Amino acid sequence: MKEFEASITDLSHDGRGVTHIDGKAVFVSGALPGEEVLLRIRKRHRHFDEAEVVELRTRSSHRVEPKCRHYGQCSGCSLQHLDAESQIEAKQRVLAENFERIGKVSPASWLPPLTDQPWGYRRKGRLSVRNVVKKGRVLVGFREEDNPRFVADIEQCEVAHPALGPKIGLLAALLSTMDAAADIAQIEFAAGDDTVALVFRHLKPLSERDLAALTAFGQEHGFAIYLQPGGISSVHPLWPEHPRLAFRIASGRDDVQDVELEFRPLDFVQVNAGMNQRMMARAMELLDPQPTDRVLDLFCGLGNFTLPIARRVAEVVGVEGEHGLVERAAENAMRNGIGNARFEVANLFEDQRNATWAKQSWDKLLLDPPRAGADKVLEYLPHRETRRIVYVSCHPGSLARDAGILVQKHGFRLSSAGVMDMFPHTAHVESIALFERD
């Protein structure tokens, strides 16, 4: 492909440098605003091109040396070459632009960004596995940056939980010696406060030799080993016989008990444990739960927000689409001695306006939807009795759209909003917003 000299003028939503060549946008991996580069076009598209840096002619003052030696090869991170402060500024800019462009709204005030430990933060993830015959070994890692069909050849991961991150290479070496080297499709990891679980997805039954090897690996390195021969329901522990995954959420107040949530290794939990604690404190501050409040928590999952809220209000109802998560949320409520929380199963992307919980009056709402957002729910909620909504978002576009609905259709004002750095060194934007009406 042809090479060009170019000036990088902006940072895209996915963390690539932006320039224009002959009037056409070009997204340049690894480049930062203010840099002069020699680039090579990798892929051409109708409306934009993709490129890589051949030579860095002028270096940005915000450029730093990536900590991970696999950076640039592995797709797990995209912003390790940008200093931490600039990463946050870029995410705040993305959120603000989405509010303005999509929702046609802007917050009355910006919340200070929430940040936490930027390394070893990831307690949940999925590692790809590939037996490469030409190399005579198994690769374990995330997908390659340049070619997502291939698994990056890595030895360690700087953002994964510290019990696992330095041992990626050991996992690969283990699988290379197994009879099922070509039959392990992926490894999911999940960390509680005291236990790190590894779930091995295998396409064929494992031999006794392989089972013994996995057990020995778990015993040596302190991992709980699970097997997944089929769908999610097939996941079961190999060693120990009854592992326990759980994490505590601090109440933040001396007069309110903490909450402990048990979960299964494939359950959804917030990826960043430290940020989850900070996010909880921020959500409580914005929601301002009072002893007489009735609160509705939509997309509640395991009760991550529901149960801490229950400690402070008269009643809270959590609604979630996955039956298993609702069961475990209810079990967590009982385990924590919480009697004023109940949970309902409902697909919130379908019309639920005739459900009992949807007809009731709620003083406050908390929304924590997936990337698609909550626009289907906002067709019939909130009712006029609801005065305060806290919206936790993993996608700035859907939050901005839903903010427009809340402001323009339901008469709320966007009182405040801000980013939360749930995924440091990536372009992922997690945010929180407060909506109020008189």
Protein backbone atom coordinates (compact mmCIF):
# COMPACT_ATOMS: atom_id res chain seq x y z
CA MET A 1 0.00 0.00 0.00
CA LYS A 2 1.07 3.58 -0.66
CA GLU A 3 2.65 5.70 2.09
CA PHE A 4 1.66 9.28 2.97
CA GLU A 5 2.87 12.05 5.22
CA ALA A 6 0.03 13.35 7.39
CA SER A 7 -0.87 15.51 10.40
CA ILE A 8 -3.09 13.87 13.02
CA THR A 9 -5.88 16.28 13.96
CA ASP A 10 -8.18 14.31 16.26
CA LEU A 11 -8.80 11.07 18.16
CA SER A 12 -11.64 8.82 17.00
CA HIS A 13 -14.22 7.24 19.30
CA ASP A 14 -12.26 3.97 19.14
CA GLY A 15 -8.90 5.53 20.02
CA ARG A 16 -7.31 5.91 16.59
CA GLY A 17 -5.74 9.06 15.25
CA VAL A 18 -7.71 10.94 12.60
CA THR A 19 -6.37 12.68 9.50
CA HIS A 20 -7.66 13.44 6.02
CA ILE A 21 -6.03 12.59 2.70
CA ASP A 22 -7.56 14.07 -0.45
CA GLY A 23 -10.64 14.97 1.60
CA LYS A 24 -11.19 11.41 2.85
CA ALA A 25 -11.02 10.52 6.53
CA VAL A 26 -8.23 8.15 7.51
CA PHE A 27 -8.12 6.39 10.89
CA VAL A 28 -4.55 5.70 12.00
CA SER A 29 -3.83 3.07 14.66
CA GLY A 30 -1.35 4.20 17.30
CA ALA A 31 -1.32 7.89 16.27
CA LEU A 32 -2.22 10.83 18.51
CA PRO A 33 -3.51 14.36 17.82
CA GLY A 34 -0.74 16.83 17.07
CA GLU A 35 1.63 14.23 15.66
CA GLU A 36 3.21 14.24 12.22
CA VAL A 37 3.44 10.72 10.83
CA LEU A 38 4.35 8.70 7.81
CA LEU A 39 1.46 6.26 7.40
CA ARG A 40 0.59 3.29 5.28
CA ILE A 41 -2.98 2.58 4.17
CA ARG A 42 -4.02 -0.92 5.29
CA LYS A 43 -7.67 -1.05 4.23
CA ARG A 44 -9.72 1.12 1.93
CA HIS A 45 -13.44 1.70 2.39
CA ARG A 46 -15.97 3.80 0.56
CA HIS A 47 -16.12 6.66 3.07
CA PHE A 48 -12.89 6.22 5.04
CA ASP A 49 -9.58 4.37 5.07
CA GLU A 50 -7.62 2.60 7.80
CA ALA A 51 -3.88 3.06 8.22
CA GLU A 52 -0.89 2.25 10.40
CA VAL A 53 2.08 4.37 11.43
CA VAL A 54 5.27 3.64 9.48
CA GLU A 55 7.31 6.41 11.09
CA LEU A 56 6.55 8.87 13.88
CA ARG A 57 7.95 12.21 12.70
CA THR A 58 6.68 14.44 15.54
CA ARG A 59 5.80 13.04 18.98
CA SER A 60 2.84 14.24 21.06
CA SER A 61 3.65 15.51 24.55
CA HIS A 62 0.87 13.21 25.79
CA ARG A 63 2.46 10.06 24.37
CA VAL A 64 3.79 7.55 26.92
CA GLU A 65 5.58 4.23 26.65
CA PRO A 66 3.05 1.35 26.78
CA LYS A 67 3.54 -0.84 29.83
CA CYS A 68 2.56 -4.06 28.06
CA ARG A 69 5.18 -5.60 25.78
CA HIS A 70 2.39 -7.07 23.65
CA TYR A 71 0.76 -3.69 23.03
CA GLY A 72 0.03 -3.10 19.36
CA GLN A 73 -0.23 -6.81 18.67
CA CYS A 74 -3.02 -7.59 21.14
CA SER A 75 -6.42 -5.91 20.69
CA GLY A 76 -7.22 -5.89 24.42
CA CYS A 77 -6.11 -2.26 24.82
CA SER A 78 -6.01 0.63 22.37
CA LEU A 79 -4.80 3.62 24.42
CA GLN A 80 -1.76 2.53 26.41
CA HIS A 81 0.32 4.99 24.41
CA LEU A 82 -1.75 7.94 25.72
CA ASP A 83 -1.24 9.35 29.22
CA ALA A 84 -3.98 8.71 31.78
CA GLU A 85 -5.24 12.29 32.01
CA SER A 86 -5.61 12.55 28.25
CA GLN A 87 -7.48 9.24 28.13
CA ILE A 88 -10.08 10.62 30.52
CA GLU A 89 -10.31 13.90 28.62
CA ALA A 90 -10.92 11.98 25.38
CA LYS A 91 -13.72 9.97 26.98
CA GLN A 92 -15.33 13.10 28.42
CA ARG A 93 -15.20 14.69 24.97
CA VAL A 94 -16.90 11.65 23.41
CA LEU A 95 -19.69 11.79 25.99
CA ALA A 96 -20.22 15.54 25.53
CA GLU A 97 -20.27 15.22 21.73
CA ASN A 98 -22.85 12.42 21.92
CA PHE A 99 -25.11 14.45 24.21
CA GLU A 100 -24.96 17.40 21.83
CA ARG A 101 -25.18 15.52 18.53
CA ILE A 102 -27.65 12.74 19.38
CA GLY A 103 -29.66 13.86 22.41
CA LYS A 104 -29.57 17.61 21.73
CA VAL A 105 -28.98 18.08 25.47
CA SER A 106 -26.15 19.00 27.78
CA PRO A 107 -25.79 18.53 31.54
CA ALA A 108 -26.21 21.49 33.86
CA SER A 109 -22.94 20.42 35.48
CA TRP A 110 -20.18 17.92 34.79
CA LEU A 111 -19.28 15.42 37.48
CA PRO A 112 -15.58 14.90 38.21
CA PRO A 113 -14.43 11.71 36.42
CA LEU A 114 -14.23 8.52 38.45
CA THR A 115 -10.90 6.68 38.18
CA ASP A 116 -9.22 3.83 40.01
CA GLN A 117 -6.22 1.51 39.64
CA PRO A 118 -5.39 1.41 35.88
CA TRP A 119 -3.52 -1.93 35.93
CA GLY A 120 -4.65 -5.41 36.98
CA TYR A 121 -8.23 -4.18 37.16
CA ARG A 122 -9.99 -6.70 34.92
CA ARG A 123 -11.74 -9.39 36.97
CA LYS A 124 -13.83 -10.76 34.09
CA GLY A 125 -12.94 -11.66 30.53
CA ARG A 126 -12.69 -14.21 27.77
CA LEU A 127 -9.40 -15.54 26.42
CA SER A 128 -9.31 -17.08 22.96
CA VAL A 129 -7.43 -20.34 22.43
CA ARG A 130 -5.86 -21.53 19.19
CA ASN A 131 -3.72 -24.60 18.53
CA VAL A 132 -1.21 -23.44 15.90
CA VAL A 133 0.26 -26.52 14.27
CA LYS A 134 3.01 -24.58 12.46
CA LYS A 135 4.25 -23.22 15.78
CA GLY A 136 3.80 -26.54 17.53
CA ARG A 137 1.97 -24.99 20.48
CA VAL A 138 -1.23 -23.44 21.73
CA LEU A 139 -1.77 -19.67 21.88
CA VAL A 140 -3.90 -18.14 24.63
CA GLY A 141 -4.84 -14.47 24.61
CA PHE A 142 -7.06 -11.82 23.11
CA ARG A 143 -7.48 -11.36 19.38
CA GLU A 144 -4.79 -9.69 17.28
CA GLU A 145 -5.12 -5.96 16.67
CA ASP A 146 -4.49 -6.16 12.93
CA ASN A 147 -6.28 -9.44 12.24
CA PRO A 148 -9.10 -10.44 14.63
CA ARG A 149 -9.18 -13.93 13.11
CA PHE A 150 -5.91 -14.73 14.87
CA VAL A 151 -5.06 -15.03 18.55
CA ALA A 152 -2.31 -12.72 19.78
CA ASP A 153 0.77 -14.59 20.99
CA ILE A 154 1.13 -13.19 24.51
CA GLU A 155 2.79 -14.29 27.74
CA GLN A 156 1.12 -11.92 30.16
CA CYS A 157 -1.63 -9.31 30.43
CA GLU A 158 -1.09 -6.11 32.39
CA VAL A 159 -4.79 -5.28 32.79
CA ALA A 160 -6.05 -8.75 33.82
CA HIS A 161 -6.48 -9.64 37.50
CA PRO A 162 -2.98 -9.91 39.02
CA ALA A 163 -3.53 -13.56 39.96
CA LEU A 164 -3.98 -14.38 36.26
CA GLY A 165 -2.28 -11.68 34.18
CA PRO A 166 1.34 -12.92 34.61
CA LYS A 167 0.29 -16.54 33.97
CA ILE A 168 -1.19 -16.39 30.46
CA GLY A 169 1.95 -18.04 29.10
CA LEU A 170 1.69 -20.82 31.69
CA LEU A 171 -1.88 -21.46 30.58
CA ALA A 172 -0.72 -21.75 26.97
CA ALA A 173 2.07 -24.12 27.96
CA LEU A 174 -0.39 -26.28 29.90
CA LEU A 175 -2.80 -26.57 26.98
CA SER A 176 0.06 -27.37 24.59
CA THR A 177 0.71 -30.59 26.54
CA MET A 178 -2.91 -31.72 26.68
CA ASP A 179 -4.63 -34.32 24.54
CA ALA A 180 -7.37 -31.73 23.88
CA ALA A 181 -4.94 -29.07 22.66
CA ALA A 182 -7.05 -28.58 19.53
CA ASP A 183 -10.39 -28.88 21.32
CA ILE A 184 -10.26 -26.08 23.89
CA ALA A 185 -12.10 -23.15 22.28
CA GLN A 186 -11.81 -20.48 24.96
CA ILE A 187 -11.14 -19.78 28.61
CA GLU A 188 -13.32 -17.39 30.57
CA PHE A 189 -12.02 -15.95 33.81
CA ALA A 190 -13.94 -14.45 36.70
CA ALA A 191 -12.54 -13.19 39.98
CA GLY A 192 -14.30 -12.73 43.27
CA ASP A 193 -12.68 -11.17 46.30
CA ASP A 194 -11.02 -14.45 47.29
CA THR A 195 -11.25 -16.78 44.29
CA VAL A 196 -10.28 -16.63 40.62
CA ALA A 197 -12.18 -19.07 38.39
CA LEU A 198 -11.13 -20.36 34.97
CA VAL A 199 -13.82 -21.88 32.73
CA PHE A 200 -12.49 -24.14 29.97
CA ARG A 201 -14.84 -24.46 27.01
CA HIS A 202 -14.05 -27.81 25.38
CA LEU A 203 -15.53 -29.16 22.17
CA LYS A 204 -14.93 -32.84 22.98
CA PRO A 205 -14.87 -34.85 26.23
CA LEU A 206 -11.59 -34.50 28.10
CA SER A 207 -9.34 -37.47 28.87
CA GLU A 208 -8.53 -38.48 32.42
CA ARG A 209 -5.00 -37.26 31.79
CA ASP A 210 -6.27 -33.80 30.79
CA LEU A 211 -8.62 -33.62 33.78
CA ALA A 212 -5.73 -34.43 36.09
CA ALA A 213 -3.56 -31.77 34.41
CA LEU A 214 -6.21 -29.08 34.80
CA THR A 215 -6.79 -30.04 38.43
CA ALA A 216 -3.07 -29.91 39.18
CA PHE A 217 -2.81 -26.49 37.50
CA GLY A 218 -5.64 -25.15 39.63
CA GLN A 219 -4.11 -26.53 42.80
CA GLU A 220 -0.65 -25.19 42.03
CA HIS A 221 -1.75 -21.67 41.11
CA GLY A 222 -4.83 -21.27 43.30
CA PHE A 223 -7.46 -21.21 40.54
CA ALA A 224 -10.93 -22.71 40.71
CA ILE A 225 -11.27 -24.83 37.56
CA TYR A 226 -14.60 -25.15 35.75
CA LEU A 227 -15.50 -27.09 32.61
CA GLN A 228 -17.98 -26.10 29.92
CA PRO A 229 -18.72 -28.99 27.52
CA GLY A 230 -21.84 -27.33 26.06
CA GLY A 231 -24.00 -24.28 26.67
CA ILE A 232 -23.95 -22.01 29.70
CA SER A 233 -26.00 -24.48 31.73
CA SER A 234 -23.28 -27.12 31.27
CA VAL A 235 -20.69 -25.20 33.31
CA HIS A 236 -19.61 -27.18 36.36
CA PRO A 237 -16.63 -27.20 38.74
CA LEU A 238 -13.77 -29.64 38.31
CA TRP A 239 -11.72 -28.43 41.28
CA PRO A 240 -12.46 -27.73 44.04
CA GLU A 241 -15.77 -29.53 44.36
CA HIS A 242 -17.64 -26.49 45.72
CA PRO A 243 -15.83 -23.26 44.80
CA ARG A 244 -17.34 -19.97 45.95
CA LEU A 245 -17.24 -16.73 43.98
CA ALA A 246 -18.34 -13.60 45.81
CA PHE A 247 -17.54 -9.93 46.22
CA ARG A 248 -18.45 -7.30 48.78
CA ILE A 249 -19.84 -3.85 48.06
CA ALA A 250 -19.10 -1.27 50.70
CA SER A 251 -22.07 0.79 51.83
CA GLY A 252 -19.92 3.86 52.38
CA ARG A 253 -21.72 4.64 55.61
CA ASP A 254 -20.94 3.42 59.12
CA ASP A 255 -24.62 2.97 59.94
CA VAL A 256 -25.35 0.82 56.86
CA GLN A 257 -24.14 -2.76 56.43
CA ASP A 258 -22.08 -3.80 53.43
CA VAL A 259 -23.52 -6.28 50.94
CA GLU A 260 -21.94 -9.49 49.66
CA LEU A 261 -22.98 -10.92 46.29
CA GLU A 262 -22.32 -14.51 45.27
CA PHE A 263 -22.17 -15.22 41.56
CA ARG A 264 -21.38 -17.90 39.01
CA PRO A 265 -18.35 -17.60 36.71
CA LEU A 266 -20.34 -16.73 33.56
CA ASP A 267 -22.70 -14.31 35.30
CA PHE A 268 -22.48 -10.65 34.37
CA VAL A 269 -20.60 -8.62 36.97
CA GLN A 270 -18.91 -5.25 36.59
CA VAL A 271 -15.47 -5.92 35.10
CA ASN A 272 -13.59 -3.48 37.33
CA ALA A 273 -14.03 -4.24 41.05
CA GLY A 274 -12.44 -1.02 42.28
CA MET A 275 -14.52 1.11 39.94
CA ASN A 276 -17.66 -0.76 40.95
CA GLN A 277 -17.12 0.45 44.51
CA ARG A 278 -16.61 4.03 43.36
CA MET A 279 -19.54 3.84 40.96
CA MET A 280 -21.78 2.58 43.76
CA ALA A 281 -20.82 5.53 45.96
CA ARG A 282 -21.48 7.98 43.11
CA ALA A 283 -24.83 6.34 42.28
CA MET A 284 -25.93 6.54 45.92
CA GLU A 285 -24.91 10.18 46.09
CA LEU A 286 -26.95 11.02 42.99
CA LEU A 287 -29.96 8.84 43.82
CA ASP A 288 -30.08 10.23 47.37
CA PRO A 289 -32.12 7.29 48.76
CA GLN A 290 -34.40 8.18 51.68
CA PRO A 291 -36.02 5.85 54.25
CA THR A 292 -39.49 6.38 52.77
CA ASP A 293 -38.49 5.96 49.10
CA ARG A 294 -39.77 3.28 46.75
CA VAL A 295 -37.16 2.60 44.07
CA LEU A 296 -37.28 0.69 40.79
CA ASP A 297 -33.97 -0.78 39.55
CA LEU A 298 -34.15 -1.82 35.89
CA PHE A 299 -31.61 -4.17 34.26
CA CYS A 300 -30.65 -5.12 37.82
CA GLY A 301 -28.57 -8.26 37.14
CA LEU A 302 -27.42 -9.88 40.38
CA GLY A 303 -28.63 -6.93 42.44
CA ASN A 304 -25.38 -4.98 42.26
CA PHE A 305 -27.31 -1.74 42.88
CA THR A 306 -30.58 -3.18 44.18
CA LEU A 307 -29.30 -4.63 47.42
CA PRO A 308 -27.19 -1.66 48.57
CA ILE A 309 -30.18 0.59 47.77
CA ALA A 310 -32.42 -1.71 49.83
CA ARG A 311 -30.36 -0.94 52.92
CA ARG A 312 -31.50 2.69 52.74
CA VAL A 313 -35.10 2.74 51.43
CA ALA A 314 -38.58 1.43 52.21
CA GLU A 315 -38.79 -0.85 49.16
CA VAL A 316 -36.86 -1.62 46.00
CA VAL A 317 -37.79 -3.83 43.06
CA GLY A 318 -35.16 -5.12 40.63
CA VAL A 319 -36.14 -6.19 37.11
CA GLU A 320 -33.88 -8.30 34.89
CA GLY A 321 -34.35 -10.37 31.74
CA GLU A 322 -32.15 -13.34 32.63
CA HIS A 323 -33.93 -15.79 34.89
CA GLY A 324 -30.75 -17.20 36.45
CA LEU A 325 -29.52 -13.76 37.49
CA VAL A 326 -32.87 -12.98 39.11
CA GLU A 327 -32.74 -16.23 41.07
CA ARG A 328 -29.26 -15.44 42.35
CA ALA A 329 -30.23 -11.85 43.14
CA ALA A 330 -33.08 -13.11 45.33
CA GLU A 331 -30.73 -15.61 46.99
CA ASN A 332 -28.25 -12.79 47.65
CA ALA A 333 -31.02 -10.75 49.27
CA MET A 334 -31.85 -13.63 51.61
CA ARG A 335 -28.18 -14.28 52.36
CA ASN A 336 -27.73 -10.63 53.36
CA GLY A 337 -30.88 -10.57 55.47
CA ILE A 338 -32.60 -8.06 53.15
CA GLY A 339 -36.38 -8.37 53.19
CA ASN A 340 -37.48 -5.19 51.41
CA ALA A 341 -36.12 -6.12 47.97
CA ARG A 342 -37.91 -8.27 45.44
CA PHE A 343 -37.00 -9.25 41.92
CA GLU A 344 -38.94 -9.78 38.70
CA VAL A 345 -38.02 -11.48 35.43
CA ALA A 346 -38.94 -9.42 32.36
CA ASN A 347 -37.53 -8.76 28.91
CA LEU A 348 -37.10 -5.00 29.07
CA PHE A 349 -36.69 -4.76 25.30
CA GLU A 350 -40.34 -5.79 24.97
CA ASP A 351 -43.40 -3.84 26.09
CA GLN A 352 -43.89 -4.50 29.80
CA ARG A 353 -46.33 -1.68 30.57
CA ASN A 354 -48.97 -4.14 31.84
CA ALA A 355 -46.61 -5.73 34.37
CA THR A 356 -47.50 -5.00 37.99
CA TRP A 357 -44.18 -3.27 38.70
CA ALA A 358 -44.61 -1.05 35.61
CA LYS A 359 -48.02 0.17 36.79
CA GLN A 360 -46.87 1.09 40.28
CA SER A 361 -45.62 4.46 41.47
CA TRP A 362 -41.90 4.86 42.11
CA ASP A 363 -40.17 7.76 43.75
CA LYS A 364 -36.87 7.07 42.01
CA LEU A 365 -35.48 4.93 39.18
CA LEU A 366 -32.06 3.47 38.53
CA LEU A 367 -31.25 2.30 35.00
CA ASP A 368 -28.20 0.22 34.09
CA PRO A 369 -28.96 -1.10 30.58
CA PRO A 370 -26.67 -2.88 28.11
CA ARG A 371 -25.31 -1.09 25.05
CA ALA A 372 -28.74 -0.91 23.38
CA GLY A 373 -29.97 1.45 26.11
CA ALA A 374 -33.41 1.82 27.65
CA ASP A 375 -35.54 3.51 24.97
CA LYS A 376 -38.13 0.70 24.96
CA VAL A 377 -38.68 1.14 28.69
CA LEU A 378 -38.93 4.90 28.32
CA GLU A 379 -41.99 4.48 26.08
CA TYR A 380 -44.06 3.84 29.23
CA LEU A 381 -41.84 4.83 32.16
CA PRO A 382 -41.25 6.87 34.24
CA HIS A 383 -44.65 7.88 35.64
CA ARG A 384 -45.22 11.45 36.76
CA GLU A 385 -44.60 10.52 40.42
CA THR A 386 -40.94 9.76 39.66
CA ARG A 387 -38.75 12.78 40.33
CA ARG A 388 -35.23 11.42 40.10
CA ILE A 389 -33.46 8.97 37.77
CA VAL A 390 -29.87 7.75 37.89
CA TYR A 391 -28.74 6.28 34.57
CA VAL A 392 -25.57 4.14 34.44
CA SER A 393 -24.41 3.68 30.86
CA CYS A 394 -21.89 1.57 28.97
CA HIS A 395 -22.53 3.32 25.64
CA PRO A 396 -22.54 7.12 25.22
CA GLY A 397 -24.68 7.00 22.09
CA SER A 398 -27.60 5.18 23.69
CA LEU A 399 -27.34 7.32 26.84
CA ALA A 400 -27.48 10.49 24.73
CA ARG A 401 -30.52 9.22 22.81
CA ASP A 402 -32.32 8.27 26.03
CA ALA A 403 -31.36 11.59 27.64
CA GLY A 404 -33.15 13.33 24.80
CA ILE A 405 -36.25 11.21 25.45
CA LEU A 406 -36.23 11.93 29.18
CA VAL A 407 -35.80 15.66 28.66
CA GLN A 408 -38.08 16.20 25.68
CA LYS A 409 -40.82 13.64 26.33
CA HIS A 410 -40.88 13.26 30.10
CA GLY A 411 -39.94 16.74 31.24
CA PHE A 412 -36.73 15.91 33.10
CA ARG A 413 -33.63 18.05 33.16
CA LEU A 414 -30.17 16.56 32.79
CA SER A 415 -28.75 17.80 36.07
CA SER A 416 -25.30 16.23 35.89
CA ALA A 417 -23.24 13.64 34.06
CA GLY A 418 -19.70 12.32 33.97
CA VAL A 419 -17.46 9.49 32.82
CA MET A 420 -16.27 6.52 34.85
CA ASP A 421 -13.04 4.85 33.75
CA MET A 422 -14.30 1.28 34.00
CA PHE A 423 -11.92 0.12 31.23
CA PRO A 424 -8.60 2.03 31.44
CA HIS A 425 -6.39 1.97 28.32
CA THR A 426 -9.38 1.28 26.08
CA ALA A 427 -11.69 3.66 24.24
CA HIS A 428 -14.73 2.25 26.05
CA VAL A 429 -16.79 5.04 27.66
CA GLU A 430 -18.76 4.23 30.81
CA SER A 431 -20.76 7.08 32.30
CA ILE A 432 -23.40 8.07 34.83
CA ALA A 433 -26.09 10.74 34.65
CA LEU A 434 -28.68 12.27 36.95
CA PHE A 435 -32.10 13.38 35.69
CA GLU A 436 -34.48 15.41 37.86
CA ARG A 437 -37.83 17.10 37.54
CA ASP A 438 -39.86 19.30 39.90
